Amino acid sequence: MVARDNQFSLLAAADPASERLEELQLVLGEGPCIDAAAARRPVLIADLGLDGPTRWPGYADAVLAAGIRAIFAFPLQVGAARLGVLDLFRAEPGSLSGPELGRAFDLADEAVTILLNDQVRGGDDWSSGEATAGPVELFQAQGMVMIQAGGTLAEAMALIRAHAYAENRRLIDVARDIIGRDLRFDRD
């Protein structure tokens, strides 16, 4: 998901391994999701081993180590409104075939429809659990760090990401420590 202030958060992932790869983009601030959202067009990397290390040095190493060889990111948008990005991972290198590419665009369209229907209903009643709790907790922690450190929301998120990266922890776990007052960021 892309918020109005260009901050990213993870709404859902297919499995824990995908969740970790998605979250790593948010921590490092680089990856196909970030690029697809910024460019407002798909990022199709058929061979991460060739293209990834120069394009996303930190992210590509971690993804390759996880056994992923191709990544395809599709922006979720309606006109100028950016909603998020759908990332698809594959263990084998290679471009998407015509039918695979068509299915990926269909999945992106379905995701846009779900997100828009959710906004019309006014909330997150279409899903429950970790997927919706994560972003809310992350935003709450971001606000707390902004006040603690005396900076902006963007600076607070940068501090949270840096801590998650340095400690090799999930963003949501760091956020929960902040909310639980087990972790604090002072002005210095």
C-alpha atoms as a PDB file:
ATOM      1  CA  MET A   1       0.000   0.000   0.000  1.00  0.00           C
ATOM      2  CA  VAL A   2       1.105   3.559  -0.700  1.00  0.00           C
ATOM      3  CA  ALA A   3      -0.181   6.242   1.673  1.00  0.00           C
ATOM      4  CA  ARG A   4      -0.768   9.870   0.726  1.00  0.00           C
ATOM      5  CA  ASP A   5       2.603  10.918   2.154  1.00  0.00           C
ATOM      6  CA  ASN A   6       4.359   8.363  -0.092  1.00  0.00           C
ATOM      7  CA  GLN A   7       4.911   6.007   2.836  1.00  0.00           C
ATOM      8  CA  PHE A   8       4.627   2.294   2.128  1.00  0.00           C
ATOM      9  CA  SER A   9       3.095  -0.404   4.291  1.00  0.00           C
ATOM     10  CA  LEU A  10       2.468  -4.094   3.783  1.00  0.00           C
ATOM     11  CA  LEU A  11      -1.203  -5.016   3.656  1.00  0.00           C
ATOM     12  CA  ALA A  12      -0.992  -8.710   2.815  1.00  0.00           C
ATOM     13  CA  ALA A  13       1.400 -11.432   1.696  1.00  0.00           C
ATOM     14  CA  ALA A  14       0.842 -14.953   0.381  1.00  0.00           C
ATOM     15  CA  ASP A  15       3.081 -16.582   2.984  1.00  0.00           C
ATOM     16  CA  PRO A  16       5.726 -15.714   5.615  1.00  0.00           C
ATOM     17  CA  ALA A  17       8.589 -15.923   3.090  1.00  0.00           C
ATOM     18  CA  SER A  18       6.849 -13.482   0.735  1.00  0.00           C
ATOM     19  CA  GLU A  19       6.027 -11.229   3.663  1.00  0.00           C
ATOM     20  CA  ARG A  20       9.705 -11.062   4.631  1.00  0.00           C
ATOM     21  CA  LEU A  21      10.749 -10.219   1.057  1.00  0.00           C
ATOM     22  CA  GLU A  22       8.088  -7.518   0.806  1.00  0.00           C
ATOM     23  CA  GLU A  23       8.955  -6.026   4.162  1.00  0.00           C
ATOM     24  CA  LEU A  24      12.635  -5.987   3.270  1.00  0.00           C
ATOM     25  CA  GLN A  25      11.842  -3.517   0.473  1.00  0.00           C
ATOM     26  CA  LEU A  26      10.224  -1.231   3.036  1.00  0.00           C
ATOM     27  CA  VAL A  27      13.192  -1.530   5.391  1.00  0.00           C
ATOM     28  CA  LEU A  28      15.833  -0.947   2.706  1.00  0.00           C
ATOM     29  CA  GLY A  29      13.844   1.581   0.709  1.00  0.00           C
ATOM     30  CA  GLU A  30      14.690  -0.196  -2.538  1.00  0.00           C
ATOM     31  CA  GLY A  31      13.180  -2.880  -4.708  1.00  0.00           C
ATOM     32  CA  PRO A  32      10.692  -3.448  -7.498  1.00  0.00           C
ATOM     33  CA  CYS A  33       7.720  -2.334  -5.390  1.00  0.00           C
ATOM     34  CA  ILE A  34       9.302   1.056  -4.707  1.00  0.00           C
ATOM     35  CA  ASP A  35      10.280   1.483  -8.371  1.00  0.00           C
ATOM     36  CA  ALA A  36       6.885   0.399  -9.748  1.00  0.00           C
ATOM     37  CA  ALA A  37       5.078   2.830  -7.450  1.00  0.00           C
ATOM     38  CA  ALA A  38       7.401   5.702  -8.362  1.00  0.00           C
ATOM     39  CA  ALA A  39       7.359   5.055 -12.116  1.00  0.00           C
ATOM     40  CA  ARG A  40       3.651   4.118 -12.152  1.00  0.00           C
ATOM     41  CA  ARG A  41       4.393   1.228 -14.490  1.00  0.00           C
ATOM     42  CA  PRO A  42       5.264  -2.460 -14.108  1.00  0.00           C
ATOM     43  CA  VAL A  43       8.781  -3.505 -13.215  1.00  0.00           C
ATOM     44  CA  LEU A  44       9.475  -6.876 -14.831  1.00  0.00           C
ATOM     45  CA  ILE A  45      12.762  -8.473 -13.808  1.00  0.00           C
ATOM     46  CA  ALA A  46      13.146 -11.799 -15.625  1.00  0.00           C
ATOM     47  CA  ASP A  47      16.591 -12.543 -14.169  1.00  0.00           C
ATOM     48  CA  LEU A  48      17.288 -10.975 -10.804  1.00  0.00           C
ATOM     49  CA  GLY A  49      20.837 -12.341 -10.863  1.00  0.00           C
ATOM     50  CA  LEU A  50      21.614 -10.144 -13.886  1.00  0.00           C
ATOM     51  CA  ASP A  51      19.589  -7.000 -13.186  1.00  0.00           C
ATOM     52  CA  GLY A  52      19.119  -6.943  -9.428  1.00  0.00           C
ATOM     53  CA  PRO A  53      22.577  -6.454  -7.920  1.00  0.00           C
ATOM     54  CA  THR A  54      23.219  -3.170  -9.730  1.00  0.00           C
ATOM     55  CA  ARG A  55      19.649  -1.910  -9.446  1.00  0.00           C
ATOM     56  CA  TRP A  56      18.944  -2.866  -5.806  1.00  0.00           C
ATOM     57  CA  PRO A  57      22.229  -3.983  -4.185  1.00  0.00           C
ATOM     58  CA  GLY A  58      20.906  -4.690  -0.692  1.00  0.00           C
ATOM     59  CA  TYR A  59      17.554  -6.099  -1.677  1.00  0.00           C
ATOM     60  CA  ALA A  60      18.771  -8.290  -4.548  1.00  0.00           C
ATOM     61  CA  ASP A  61      21.295 -10.139  -2.376  1.00  0.00           C
ATOM     62  CA  ALA A  62      18.650 -11.060   0.189  1.00  0.00           C
ATOM     63  CA  VAL A  63      16.095 -12.108  -2.438  1.00  0.00           C
ATOM     64  CA  LEU A  64      18.607 -14.213  -4.354  1.00  0.00           C
ATOM     65  CA  ALA A  65      19.664 -15.869  -1.088  1.00  0.00           C
ATOM     66  CA  ALA A  66      15.986 -16.733  -0.503  1.00  0.00           C
ATOM     67  CA  GLY A  67      15.892 -18.582  -3.832  1.00  0.00           C
ATOM     68  CA  ILE A  68      13.976 -15.996  -5.863  1.00  0.00           C
ATOM     69  CA  ARG A  69      15.222 -15.495  -9.425  1.00  0.00           C
ATOM     70  CA  ALA A  70      12.512 -13.322 -11.025  1.00  0.00           C
ATOM     71  CA  ILE A  71      10.294 -10.521  -9.714  1.00  0.00           C
ATOM     72  CA  PHE A  72       7.357  -8.787 -11.339  1.00  0.00           C
ATOM     73  CA  ALA A  73       5.825  -5.669  -9.725  1.00  0.00           C
ATOM     74  CA  PHE A  74       2.511  -4.199 -10.911  1.00  0.00           C
ATOM     75  CA  PRO A  75       1.333  -0.793  -9.669  1.00  0.00           C
ATOM     76  CA  LEU A  76      -2.221  -0.700  -8.366  1.00  0.00           C
ATOM     77  CA  GLN A  77      -3.663   2.584  -9.512  1.00  0.00           C
ATOM     78  CA  VAL A  78      -6.730   4.322 -10.864  1.00  0.00           C
ATOM     79  CA  GLY A  79      -5.785   7.297 -12.981  1.00  0.00           C
ATOM     80  CA  ALA A  80      -3.417   9.415 -10.918  1.00  0.00           C
ATOM     81  CA  ALA A  81      -4.420   7.731  -7.639  1.00  0.00           C
ATOM     82  CA  ARG A  82      -1.794   5.275  -6.429  1.00  0.00           C
ATOM     83  CA  LEU A  83      -3.109   2.538  -4.157  1.00  0.00           C
ATOM     84  CA  GLY A  84      -0.178   0.149  -3.921  1.00  0.00           C
ATOM     85  CA  VAL A  85       1.813  -2.480  -5.780  1.00  0.00           C
ATOM     86  CA  LEU A  86       1.312  -6.191  -6.399  1.00  0.00           C
ATOM     87  CA  ASP A  87       4.604  -8.112  -6.380  1.00  0.00           C
ATOM     88  CA  LEU A  88       4.955 -11.603  -7.814  1.00  0.00           C
ATOM     89  CA  PHE A  89       8.026 -13.755  -7.151  1.00  0.00           C
ATOM     90  CA  ARG A  90       9.331 -16.776  -9.055  1.00  0.00           C
ATOM     91  CA  ALA A  91      12.082 -19.259  -8.195  1.00  0.00           C
ATOM     92  CA  GLU A  92      13.150 -19.719 -11.831  1.00  0.00           C
ATOM     93  CA  PRO A  93      14.504 -16.931 -14.048  1.00  0.00           C
ATOM     94  CA  GLY A  94      12.585 -16.018 -17.171  1.00  0.00           C
ATOM     95  CA  SER A  95      10.057 -13.598 -18.575  1.00  0.00           C
ATOM     96  CA  LEU A  96       6.346 -14.029 -18.059  1.00  0.00           C
ATOM     97  CA  SER A  97       4.616 -15.705 -20.992  1.00  0.00           C
ATOM     98  CA  GLY A  98       1.748 -13.876 -22.686  1.00  0.00           C
ATOM     99  CA  PRO A  99      -0.920 -15.747 -20.694  1.00  0.00           C
ATOM    100  CA  GLU A 100       1.050 -15.309 -17.438  1.00  0.00           C
ATOM    101  CA  LEU A 101       1.400 -11.582 -18.045  1.00  0.00           C
ATOM    102  CA  GLY A 102      -2.321 -11.341 -18.803  1.00  0.00           C
ATOM    103  CA  ARG A 103      -3.135 -13.184 -15.563  1.00  0.00           C
ATOM    104  CA  ALA A 104      -0.823 -10.886 -13.603  1.00  0.00           C
ATOM    105  CA  PHE A 105      -2.643  -7.827 -14.973  1.00  0.00           C
ATOM    106  CA  ASP A 106      -5.963  -9.489 -14.096  1.00  0.00           C
ATOM    107  CA  LEU A 107      -4.750 -10.061 -10.524  1.00  0.00           C
ATOM    108  CA  ALA A 108      -3.671  -6.425 -10.268  1.00  0.00           C
ATOM    109  CA  ASP A 109      -7.109  -5.307 -11.506  1.00  0.00           C
ATOM    110  CA  GLU A 110      -8.794  -7.582  -8.948  1.00  0.00           C
ATOM    111  CA  ALA A 111      -6.631  -6.102  -6.182  1.00  0.00           C
ATOM    112  CA  VAL A 112      -7.597  -2.568  -7.241  1.00  0.00           C
ATOM    113  CA  THR A 113     -11.282  -3.533  -7.173  1.00  0.00           C
ATOM    114  CA  ILE A 114     -10.951  -5.003  -3.681  1.00  0.00           C
ATOM    115  CA  LEU A 115      -9.121  -1.922  -2.405  1.00  0.00           C
ATOM    116  CA  LEU A 116     -11.653   0.469  -3.924  1.00  0.00           C
ATOM    117  CA  ASN A 117     -14.602  -1.533  -2.564  1.00  0.00           C
ATOM    118  CA  ASP A 118     -12.962  -1.439   0.849  1.00  0.00           C
ATOM    119  CA  GLN A 119     -12.668   2.358   0.675  1.00  0.00           C
ATOM    120  CA  VAL A 120     -16.338   2.683  -0.312  1.00  0.00           C
ATOM    121  CA  ARG A 121     -17.334   0.528   2.684  1.00  0.00           C
ATOM    122  CA  GLY A 122     -15.111   2.703   4.842  1.00  0.00           C
ATOM    123  CA  GLY A 123     -12.622   0.346   6.340  1.00  0.00           C
ATOM    124  CA  ASP A 124     -10.980  -2.978   6.526  1.00  0.00           C
ATOM    125  CA  ASP A 125     -14.021  -5.185   7.029  1.00  0.00           C
ATOM    126  CA  TRP A 126     -13.066  -7.358   4.033  1.00  0.00           C
ATOM    127  CA  SER A 127     -10.127  -8.862   5.885  1.00  0.00           C
ATOM    128  CA  SER A 128      -9.010  -9.404   9.422  1.00  0.00           C
ATOM    129  CA  GLY A 129      -6.079 -10.343  11.535  1.00  0.00           C
ATOM    130  CA  GLU A 130      -2.411  -9.694  10.851  1.00  0.00           C
ATOM    131  CA  ALA A 131      -2.871  -8.167   7.417  1.00  0.00           C
ATOM    132  CA  THR A 132      -4.894  -5.224   8.726  1.00  0.00           C
ATOM    133  CA  ALA A 133      -3.264  -4.996  12.155  1.00  0.00           C
ATOM    134  CA  GLY A 134       0.243  -4.561  10.742  1.00  0.00           C
ATOM    135  CA  PRO A 135      -0.144  -1.203   8.983  1.00  0.00           C
ATOM    136  CA  VAL A 136      -2.196   0.269  11.843  1.00  0.00           C
ATOM    137  CA  GLU A 137       0.446  -0.704  14.386  1.00  0.00           C
ATOM    138  CA  LEU A 138       3.219   0.566  12.149  1.00  0.00           C
ATOM    139  CA  PHE A 139       1.493   3.934  11.718  1.00  0.00           C
ATOM    140  CA  GLN A 140       0.911   4.167  15.476  1.00  0.00           C
ATOM    141  CA  ALA A 141       4.577   3.405  16.169  1.00  0.00           C
ATOM    142  CA  GLN A 142       5.603   5.942  13.542  1.00  0.00           C
ATOM    143  CA  GLY A 143       3.609   8.633  15.345  1.00  0.00           C
ATOM    144  CA  MET A 144       5.133   7.711  18.680  1.00  0.00           C
ATOM    145  CA  VAL A 145       8.671   7.854  17.274  1.00  0.00           C
ATOM    146  CA  MET A 146       7.927  11.197  15.615  1.00  0.00           C
ATOM    147  CA  ILE A 147       7.053  12.635  19.026  1.00  0.00           C
ATOM    148  CA  GLN A 148       9.931  10.894  20.834  1.00  0.00           C
ATOM    149  CA  ALA A 149      12.596  11.948  18.333  1.00  0.00           C
ATOM    150  CA  GLY A 150      11.069  15.336  17.534  1.00  0.00           C
ATOM    151  CA  GLY A 151      11.095  14.899  13.749  1.00  0.00           C
ATOM    152  CA  THR A 152       8.708  14.337  10.874  1.00  0.00           C
ATOM    153  CA  LEU A 153       6.700  11.221  10.068  1.00  0.00           C
ATOM    154  CA  ALA A 154       9.146  10.398   7.271  1.00  0.00           C
ATOM    155  CA  GLU A 155      12.103  10.725   9.657  1.00  0.00           C
ATOM    156  CA  ALA A 156      10.322   8.541  12.216  1.00  0.00           C
ATOM    157  CA  MET A 157       9.773   5.838   9.603  1.00  0.00           C
ATOM    158  CA  ALA A 158      13.429   6.084   8.596  1.00  0.00           C
ATOM    159  CA  LEU A 159      14.445   5.490  12.233  1.00  0.00           C
ATOM    160  CA  ILE A 160      12.134   2.485  12.526  1.00  0.00           C
ATOM    161  CA  ARG A 161      13.432   1.029   9.244  1.00  0.00           C
ATOM    162  CA  ALA A 162      17.045   1.602  10.243  1.00  0.00           C
ATOM    163  CA  HIS A 163      16.485  -0.142  13.567  1.00  0.00           C
ATOM    164  CA  ALA A 164      14.732  -3.086  11.894  1.00  0.00           C
ATOM    165  CA  TYR A 165      17.575  -3.403   9.395  1.00  0.00           C
ATOM    166  CA  ALA A 166      20.342  -3.108  12.003  1.00  0.00           C
ATOM    167  CA  GLU A 167      18.699  -5.688  14.244  1.00  0.00           C
ATOM    168  CA  ASN A 168      17.506  -7.936  11.366  1.00  0.00           C
ATOM    169  CA  ARG A 169      13.943  -7.743  12.649  1.00  0.00           C
ATOM    170  CA  ARG A 170      10.531  -7.427  11.031  1.00  0.00           C
ATOM    171  CA  LEU A 171       9.056  -3.933  10.930  1.00  0.00           C
ATOM    172  CA  ILE A 172       5.905  -5.086  12.669  1.00  0.00           C
ATOM    173  CA  ASP A 173       7.938  -6.541  15.568  1.00  0.00           C
ATOM    174  CA  VAL A 174       9.836  -3.277  15.998  1.00  0.00           C
ATOM    175  CA  ALA A 175       6.528  -1.380  15.846  1.00  0.00           C
ATOM    176  CA  ARG A 176       5.038  -3.597  18.540  1.00  0.00           C
ATOM    177  CA  ASP A 177       8.063  -2.970  20.771  1.00  0.00           C
ATOM    178  CA  ILE A 178       7.602   0.779  20.311  1.00  0.00           C
ATOM    179  CA  ILE A 179       3.879   0.616  21.082  1.00  0.00           C
ATOM    180  CA  GLY A 180       4.566  -1.605  24.105  1.00  0.00           C
ATOM    181  CA  ARG A 181       7.160   0.932  25.278  1.00  0.00           C
ATOM    182  CA  ASP A 182       9.935  -1.665  25.130  1.00  0.00           C
ATOM    183  CA  LEU A 183      11.779   0.436  22.537  1.00  0.00           C
ATOM    184  CA  ARG A 184      12.200   4.182  22.539  1.00  0.00           C
ATOM    185  CA  PHE A 185      13.877   6.649  20.174  1.00  0.00           C
ATOM    186  CA  ASP A 186      15.234   9.758  21.887  1.00  0.00           C
ATOM    187  CA  ARG A 187      15.929  13.120  20.262  1.00  0.00           C
ATOM    188  CA  ASP A 188      19.674  12.383  20.065  1.00  0.00           C
END
